[in-house]
Amino acid sequence: MLLHPAIISLVTGSLLVSGMLLYASYYGLKIIRKWNLLSGSEVQLGLERRTYLISTLMINAMAFQLLSLFLFIYTADRMAPLFVGAMCAAGTLKVNIWGYPTLLLKIINWLLAGIWLILNYTDNRGYDYPLIRKKYAALLFMAPLMLVETAAQAAYFLQMQPAVITSCCGTLFTSDAEGVTAGIVGLPKTPVEIAFYGGMFLTLAVGVIYCIKGKLGYPYALLSLFASVISAVALISFISLYFYELPTHHCPFCILQKEYGFVGYPLYFALLGGAVTGVGGAMIMPFRGRKSLAEVIPRIQRGLAVISVSCFALFSMIVVAGIALSNLRLR
């Protein structure tokens, strides 16, 4: 394994998060089985004290999980000069079989961590902790995925060999390559543009209604997911071309570099942030009937909707500005 400060931080942090998850899962099982707020038993009092500690640990663990995705991508990008053939994170992630699976797991766990934080925040606003079993059940579902991510990340770093000749993004993101990326690059531009602009406009329009009237929460959640997916496809298909000012450069990682003003970081953060807050609002919708949350959840949902719409609006503005200021014209 290459001894790099960021690698050490990622591995150490992931191990700590895994330890916290195992600890929280152990007591989570007890809470799911034995929690009874009406009971004054010693067991209940012990669980109540324990849940404060676990909640604090998990907030910090999930916050690290949110940060670790971008730190992982940044680290992979910064290590590109160490491998023959790598020009950016695309090549570094290809040095062994664990790079891209680790990235995919980190994206999935990023979304799950964000939703869990929303669930935990909502539960803490209720005077009787009405969602405590739900959030610990969710934690038990997330724990295996995060543990697998920790193992995959460790395998990725441990099996790094500087002598390996890897692929550059120019060969990975072309229509001649294999896999999903080749299919995306080969998509006709016009339908992708229509889907992107139309989908984003509809998402923002429904989001504004959701913010103002508190209605259409479920449709907005679906649209936010669609907008995130189609935006990621559009980034590879045609948006990135304008930032690079090259009609054949489809890499989604080079825009994270200094040469392009690190514009990829706000773009990806906006996409993920818009998706997780859009879906998070729908996840707590079924609990509006709980007495302790009847007035709390609508306020939380409105706040989440504002954040989600703002994220998608930010993404759209950066894209439109990048296309407008680019010297590249595809037509």
Protein backbone atom coordinates (compact mmCIF):
# COMPACT_ATOMS: atom_id res chain seq x y z
CA MET A 1 0.00 0.00 0.00
CA LEU A 2 1.24 3.49 -0.85
CA LEU A 3 1.83 5.49 2.33
CA HIS A 4 -0.10 8.65 1.57
CA PRO A 5 -1.63 10.89 4.31
CA ALA A 6 -5.05 10.83 2.64
CA ILE A 7 -4.95 7.04 2.35
CA ILE A 8 -4.06 6.70 6.02
CA SER A 9 -6.91 9.07 6.91
CA LEU A 10 -9.40 7.15 4.79
CA VAL A 11 -8.40 3.72 6.08
CA THR A 12 -8.24 4.84 9.71
CA GLY A 13 -11.52 6.71 9.48
CA SER A 14 -13.30 3.77 7.82
CA LEU A 15 -12.06 1.39 10.49
CA LEU A 16 -13.31 3.73 13.21
CA VAL A 17 -16.68 4.06 11.48
CA SER A 18 -16.90 0.27 11.18
CA GLY A 19 -16.17 -0.10 14.88
CA MET A 20 -18.84 2.46 15.75
CA LEU A 21 -21.33 0.67 13.49
CA LEU A 22 -20.72 -2.68 15.13
CA TYR A 23 -21.13 -1.09 18.57
CA ALA A 24 -24.31 0.72 17.48
CA SER A 25 -25.71 -2.41 15.81
CA TYR A 26 -25.23 -4.45 18.97
CA TYR A 27 -27.22 -2.02 21.08
CA GLY A 28 -29.56 -1.32 18.19
CA LEU A 29 -30.78 -4.89 18.37
CA LYS A 30 -31.46 -4.45 22.08
CA ILE A 31 -33.32 -1.19 21.48
CA ILE A 32 -35.48 -2.74 18.75
CA ARG A 33 -36.39 -5.64 21.02
CA LYS A 34 -36.73 -3.99 24.42
CA TRP A 35 -37.41 -0.25 23.98
CA ASN A 36 -40.47 0.85 25.95
CA LEU A 37 -40.65 4.53 26.83
CA LEU A 38 -43.52 3.89 29.27
CA SER A 39 -41.35 1.57 31.34
CA GLY A 40 -39.25 2.84 34.22
CA SER A 41 -37.19 -0.33 34.41
CA GLU A 42 -33.44 -0.35 34.80
CA VAL A 43 -33.11 -1.84 31.31
CA GLN A 44 -35.12 1.00 29.76
CA LEU A 45 -33.17 3.68 31.62
CA GLY A 46 -29.93 2.08 30.47
CA LEU A 47 -31.13 2.03 26.85
CA GLU A 48 -32.18 5.68 27.05
CA ARG A 49 -28.74 6.71 28.28
CA ARG A 50 -27.06 4.51 25.70
CA THR A 51 -29.05 5.89 22.79
CA TYR A 52 -27.74 9.42 23.42
CA LEU A 53 -24.18 8.13 23.10
CA ILE A 54 -24.95 6.02 20.04
CA SER A 55 -26.75 8.89 18.33
CA THR A 56 -23.74 11.17 18.84
CA LEU A 57 -21.34 8.51 17.57
CA MET A 58 -23.45 7.82 14.51
CA ILE A 59 -23.82 11.50 13.61
CA ASN A 60 -20.05 11.77 13.54
CA ALA A 61 -19.68 8.46 11.70
CA MET A 62 -22.20 9.47 9.03
CA ALA A 63 -20.59 12.89 8.67
CA PHE A 64 -17.27 11.16 7.97
CA GLN A 65 -19.06 8.89 5.49
CA LEU A 66 -20.27 11.97 3.60
CA LEU A 67 -16.77 13.44 3.57
CA SER A 68 -15.00 10.19 2.70
CA LEU A 69 -16.53 9.94 -0.79
CA PHE A 70 -14.98 13.22 -1.89
CA LEU A 71 -11.73 12.51 -0.06
CA PHE A 72 -11.53 9.14 -1.80
CA ILE A 73 -12.04 10.69 -5.25
CA TYR A 74 -9.59 13.51 -4.46
CA THR A 75 -6.99 10.98 -3.30
CA ALA A 76 -7.42 8.85 -6.42
CA ASP A 77 -7.05 11.94 -8.58
CA ARG A 78 -3.92 13.17 -6.77
CA MET A 79 -2.26 9.75 -7.09
CA ALA A 80 -2.67 9.61 -10.88
CA PRO A 81 0.94 10.73 -11.58
CA LEU A 82 2.19 7.68 -9.65
CA PHE A 83 0.79 5.21 -12.20
CA VAL A 84 1.84 4.83 -15.79
CA GLY A 85 -1.07 5.65 -18.09
CA ALA A 86 -3.27 7.38 -15.50
CA MET A 87 -4.18 10.99 -16.18
CA CYS A 88 -6.85 11.40 -13.48
CA ALA A 89 -8.90 9.39 -10.99
CA ALA A 90 -10.34 7.31 -13.85
CA GLY A 91 -6.99 5.62 -14.38
CA THR A 92 -6.09 5.35 -10.70
CA LEU A 93 -9.36 3.55 -9.93
CA LYS A 94 -8.47 1.07 -12.67
CA VAL A 95 -5.14 -0.05 -11.15
CA ASN A 96 -6.90 -3.07 -9.63
CA ILE A 97 -10.34 -4.64 -9.52
CA TRP A 98 -11.37 -2.90 -6.27
CA GLY A 99 -11.28 0.75 -7.36
CA TYR A 100 -14.63 1.20 -9.07
CA PRO A 101 -16.58 -1.16 -6.74
CA THR A 102 -15.29 0.90 -3.81
CA LEU A 103 -16.44 4.11 -5.51
CA LEU A 104 -19.89 2.64 -6.19
CA LEU A 105 -20.23 1.49 -2.57
CA LYS A 106 -19.20 4.92 -1.34
CA ILE A 107 -21.86 6.60 -3.47
CA ILE A 108 -24.56 4.21 -2.22
CA ASN A 109 -23.46 4.64 1.39
CA TRP A 110 -23.28 8.42 0.94
CA LEU A 111 -26.97 8.46 0.05
CA LEU A 112 -27.87 6.04 2.86
CA ALA A 113 -25.87 8.06 5.40
CA GLY A 114 -27.66 11.24 4.38
CA ILE A 115 -31.08 9.62 4.68
CA TRP A 116 -30.18 8.15 8.09
CA LEU A 117 -29.13 11.60 9.35
CA ILE A 118 -32.50 12.96 8.22
CA LEU A 119 -34.31 10.10 9.97
CA ASN A 120 -32.29 10.61 13.14
CA TYR A 121 -32.86 14.37 13.11
CA THR A 122 -36.61 13.85 12.70
CA ASP A 123 -36.72 11.29 15.51
CA ASN A 124 -34.89 13.64 17.88
CA ARG A 125 -37.50 16.35 17.24
CA GLY A 126 -40.27 14.12 18.63
CA TYR A 127 -40.65 14.15 22.40
CA ASP A 128 -41.27 10.38 22.52
CA TYR A 129 -38.60 9.27 19.99
CA PRO A 130 -41.26 7.82 17.69
CA LEU A 131 -38.82 6.62 15.02
CA ILE A 132 -36.20 5.06 17.26
CA ARG A 133 -36.88 1.49 16.12
CA LYS A 134 -37.03 2.60 12.49
CA LYS A 135 -33.68 4.38 12.56
CA TYR A 136 -31.93 1.49 14.30
CA ALA A 137 -33.45 -0.98 11.85
CA ALA A 138 -32.10 1.23 9.06
CA LEU A 139 -28.72 1.21 10.78
CA LEU A 140 -28.71 -2.59 10.84
CA PHE A 141 -29.44 -2.56 7.09
CA MET A 142 -26.64 -0.08 6.40
CA ALA A 143 -23.97 -1.70 8.58
CA PRO A 144 -23.15 -4.63 6.23
CA LEU A 145 -22.85 -2.30 3.23
CA MET A 146 -20.48 0.01 5.08
CA LEU A 147 -18.42 -2.90 6.36
CA VAL A 148 -18.13 -4.24 2.80
CA GLU A 149 -17.06 -0.77 1.67
CA THR A 150 -14.36 -0.68 4.34
CA ALA A 151 -13.06 -4.07 3.21
CA ALA A 152 -13.17 -3.13 -0.49
CA GLN A 153 -11.36 0.15 0.16
CA ALA A 154 -8.66 -1.62 2.19
CA ALA A 155 -8.22 -4.19 -0.60
CA TYR A 156 -7.97 -1.39 -3.17
CA PHE A 157 -5.19 0.44 -1.32
CA LEU A 158 -3.36 -2.70 -0.18
CA GLN A 159 -3.20 -4.14 -3.71
CA MET A 160 -1.91 -0.96 -5.34
CA GLN A 161 1.22 -1.62 -7.36
CA PRO A 162 3.05 1.45 -8.76
CA ALA A 163 4.51 -0.70 -11.55
CA VAL A 164 1.04 -1.44 -12.95
CA ILE A 165 0.26 0.15 -16.32
CA THR A 166 -3.31 1.40 -16.16
CA SER A 167 -5.68 3.04 -18.65
CA CYS A 168 -6.22 6.73 -19.21
CA CYS A 169 -9.66 8.30 -19.29
CA GLY A 170 -9.34 8.78 -23.04
CA THR A 171 -9.60 5.02 -23.53
CA LEU A 172 -12.05 4.32 -20.72
CA PHE A 173 -14.70 6.86 -21.75
CA THR A 174 -15.11 6.25 -25.47
CA SER A 175 -17.76 4.49 -27.53
CA ASP A 176 -15.15 1.82 -28.37
CA ALA A 177 -14.67 0.87 -24.71
CA GLU A 178 -16.64 -1.84 -22.92
CA GLY A 179 -19.35 -1.51 -20.31
CA VAL A 180 -21.88 1.12 -19.29
CA THR A 181 -19.65 4.12 -20.02
CA ALA A 182 -19.32 3.13 -23.67
CA GLY A 183 -23.08 2.96 -23.95
CA ILE A 184 -23.48 6.41 -22.40
CA VAL A 185 -20.81 7.97 -24.64
CA GLY A 186 -22.49 6.41 -27.67
CA LEU A 187 -25.95 7.78 -26.86
CA PRO A 188 -27.36 10.29 -29.36
CA LYS A 189 -26.79 13.79 -27.93
CA THR A 190 -30.18 15.33 -28.75
CA PRO A 191 -32.36 12.86 -26.78
CA VAL A 192 -29.98 13.11 -23.80
CA GLU A 193 -30.13 16.92 -23.93
CA ILE A 194 -33.94 16.86 -24.10
CA ALA A 195 -34.14 14.41 -21.19
CA PHE A 196 -31.68 16.45 -19.11
CA TYR A 197 -33.15 19.91 -19.65
CA GLY A 198 -36.75 18.68 -19.57
CA GLY A 199 -36.17 16.50 -16.50
CA MET A 200 -34.37 19.23 -14.59
CA PHE A 201 -37.04 21.84 -15.44
CA LEU A 202 -39.83 19.50 -14.29
CA THR A 203 -37.92 18.63 -11.12
CA LEU A 204 -37.40 22.28 -10.23
CA ALA A 205 -41.02 23.17 -11.04
CA VAL A 206 -42.45 20.38 -8.87
CA GLY A 207 -39.87 21.21 -6.20
CA VAL A 208 -41.03 24.81 -5.99
CA ILE A 209 -44.63 23.63 -5.54
CA TYR A 210 -43.42 21.22 -2.86
CA CYS A 211 -41.60 24.05 -1.07
CA ILE A 212 -44.56 26.40 -1.14
CA LYS A 213 -47.53 24.10 -0.60
CA GLY A 214 -45.97 21.01 0.97
CA LYS A 215 -47.59 18.80 -1.66
CA LEU A 216 -46.21 16.39 -4.30
CA GLY A 217 -43.58 15.00 -1.93
CA TYR A 218 -43.51 11.53 -3.45
CA PRO A 219 -43.45 12.71 -7.09
CA TYR A 220 -40.65 15.11 -6.20
CA ALA A 221 -38.64 12.29 -4.60
CA LEU A 222 -38.90 10.24 -7.80
CA LEU A 223 -38.06 13.26 -9.93
CA SER A 224 -35.03 14.10 -7.80
CA LEU A 225 -33.70 10.58 -8.35
CA PHE A 226 -34.39 10.84 -12.08
CA ALA A 227 -32.75 14.26 -12.27
CA SER A 228 -29.63 12.94 -10.53
CA VAL A 229 -29.30 9.91 -12.80
CA ILE A 230 -29.98 11.75 -16.05
CA SER A 231 -27.62 14.55 -14.97
CA ALA A 232 -24.82 12.03 -14.37
CA VAL A 233 -25.48 10.55 -17.81
CA ALA A 234 -25.56 14.03 -19.37
CA LEU A 235 -22.26 14.92 -17.70
CA ILE A 236 -20.55 12.06 -19.50
CA SER A 237 -22.54 12.37 -22.71
CA PHE A 238 -22.24 16.08 -23.52
CA ILE A 239 -21.84 18.47 -20.57
CA SER A 240 -18.19 17.61 -19.87
CA LEU A 241 -17.28 18.33 -23.48
CA TYR A 242 -18.02 22.03 -22.98
CA PHE A 243 -15.85 22.30 -19.88
CA TYR A 244 -12.93 20.59 -21.63
CA GLU A 245 -13.66 22.33 -24.94
CA LEU A 246 -12.90 19.04 -26.65
CA PRO A 247 -15.58 17.13 -28.60
CA THR A 248 -14.11 13.71 -27.69
CA HIS A 249 -13.28 14.10 -23.98
CA HIS A 250 -16.09 12.52 -21.95
CA CYS A 251 -14.27 11.85 -18.66
CA PRO A 252 -16.36 12.65 -15.53
CA PHE A 253 -13.22 12.89 -13.36
CA CYS A 254 -11.00 15.46 -15.10
CA ILE A 255 -13.43 18.25 -14.15
CA LEU A 256 -12.32 17.66 -10.56
CA GLN A 257 -8.87 18.98 -11.40
CA LYS A 258 -7.38 22.44 -10.92
CA GLU A 259 -7.22 23.10 -14.66
CA TYR A 260 -11.01 23.23 -14.68
CA GLY A 261 -11.41 25.15 -11.43
CA PHE A 262 -12.35 22.01 -9.42
CA VAL A 263 -15.84 22.56 -10.84
CA GLY A 264 -16.62 18.85 -10.53
CA TYR A 265 -16.81 19.00 -6.73
CA PRO A 266 -19.74 21.46 -6.52
CA LEU A 267 -21.41 19.67 -9.42
CA TYR A 268 -21.30 16.25 -7.79
CA PHE A 269 -22.07 17.57 -4.33
CA ALA A 270 -25.12 19.39 -5.71
CA LEU A 271 -26.36 16.24 -7.47
CA LEU A 272 -25.96 14.02 -4.42
CA GLY A 273 -27.27 16.67 -2.06
CA GLY A 274 -30.34 17.26 -4.22
CA ALA A 275 -31.06 13.53 -4.41
CA VAL A 276 -30.63 12.72 -0.71
CA THR A 277 -32.72 15.66 0.55
CA GLY A 278 -35.37 15.07 -2.10
CA VAL A 279 -35.70 11.39 -1.19
CA GLY A 280 -35.26 12.10 2.53
CA GLY A 281 -38.38 14.25 2.59
CA ALA A 282 -40.41 11.37 1.16
CA MET A 283 -38.89 8.87 3.59
CA ILE A 284 -40.34 10.67 6.60
CA MET A 285 -43.71 11.35 4.92
CA PRO A 286 -45.41 8.19 6.30
CA PHE A 287 -44.80 9.35 9.87
CA ARG A 288 -46.74 12.62 9.65
CA GLY A 289 -49.59 10.90 11.46
CA ARG A 290 -47.51 10.44 14.62
CA LYS A 291 -48.77 12.87 17.24
CA SER A 292 -45.34 14.08 18.30
CA LEU A 293 -44.30 14.65 14.66
CA ALA A 294 -47.51 16.08 13.20
CA GLU A 295 -46.19 19.65 13.27
CA VAL A 296 -42.51 18.80 13.07
CA ILE A 297 -42.35 16.81 9.83
CA PRO A 298 -43.96 19.44 7.53
CA ARG A 299 -41.32 21.96 8.67
CA ILE A 300 -38.51 19.49 8.13
CA GLN A 301 -39.86 18.51 4.72
CA ARG A 302 -40.10 22.14 3.64
CA GLY A 303 -36.50 22.72 4.72
CA LEU A 304 -35.33 19.61 2.87
CA ALA A 305 -37.25 20.66 -0.23
CA VAL A 306 -35.60 24.09 -0.19
CA ILE A 307 -32.16 22.50 0.11
CA SER A 308 -32.91 19.98 -2.65
CA VAL A 309 -34.25 22.55 -5.09
CA SER A 310 -31.31 24.84 -4.31
CA CYS A 311 -28.87 22.00 -5.05
CA PHE A 312 -30.45 21.20 -8.40
CA ALA A 313 -30.65 24.90 -9.24
CA LEU A 314 -26.95 25.29 -8.41
CA PHE A 315 -26.08 22.33 -10.61
CA SER A 316 -28.13 23.76 -13.47
CA MET A 317 -26.57 27.21 -13.17
CA ILE A 318 -23.03 25.81 -13.22
CA VAL A 319 -23.83 23.68 -16.27
CA VAL A 320 -25.52 26.52 -18.17
CA ALA A 321 -22.70 28.92 -17.33
CA GLY A 322 -20.08 26.36 -18.38
CA ILE A 323 -21.80 25.78 -21.72
CA ALA A 324 -22.39 29.47 -22.35
CA LEU A 325 -18.78 30.46 -21.59
CA SER A 326 -17.23 27.54 -23.49
CA ASN A 327 -15.54 28.07 -26.85
CA LEU A 328 -16.81 24.68 -27.99
CA ARG A 329 -19.85 24.52 -30.23
CA LEU A 330 -21.16 21.08 -31.10
CA ARG A 331 -23.57 22.38 -33.74
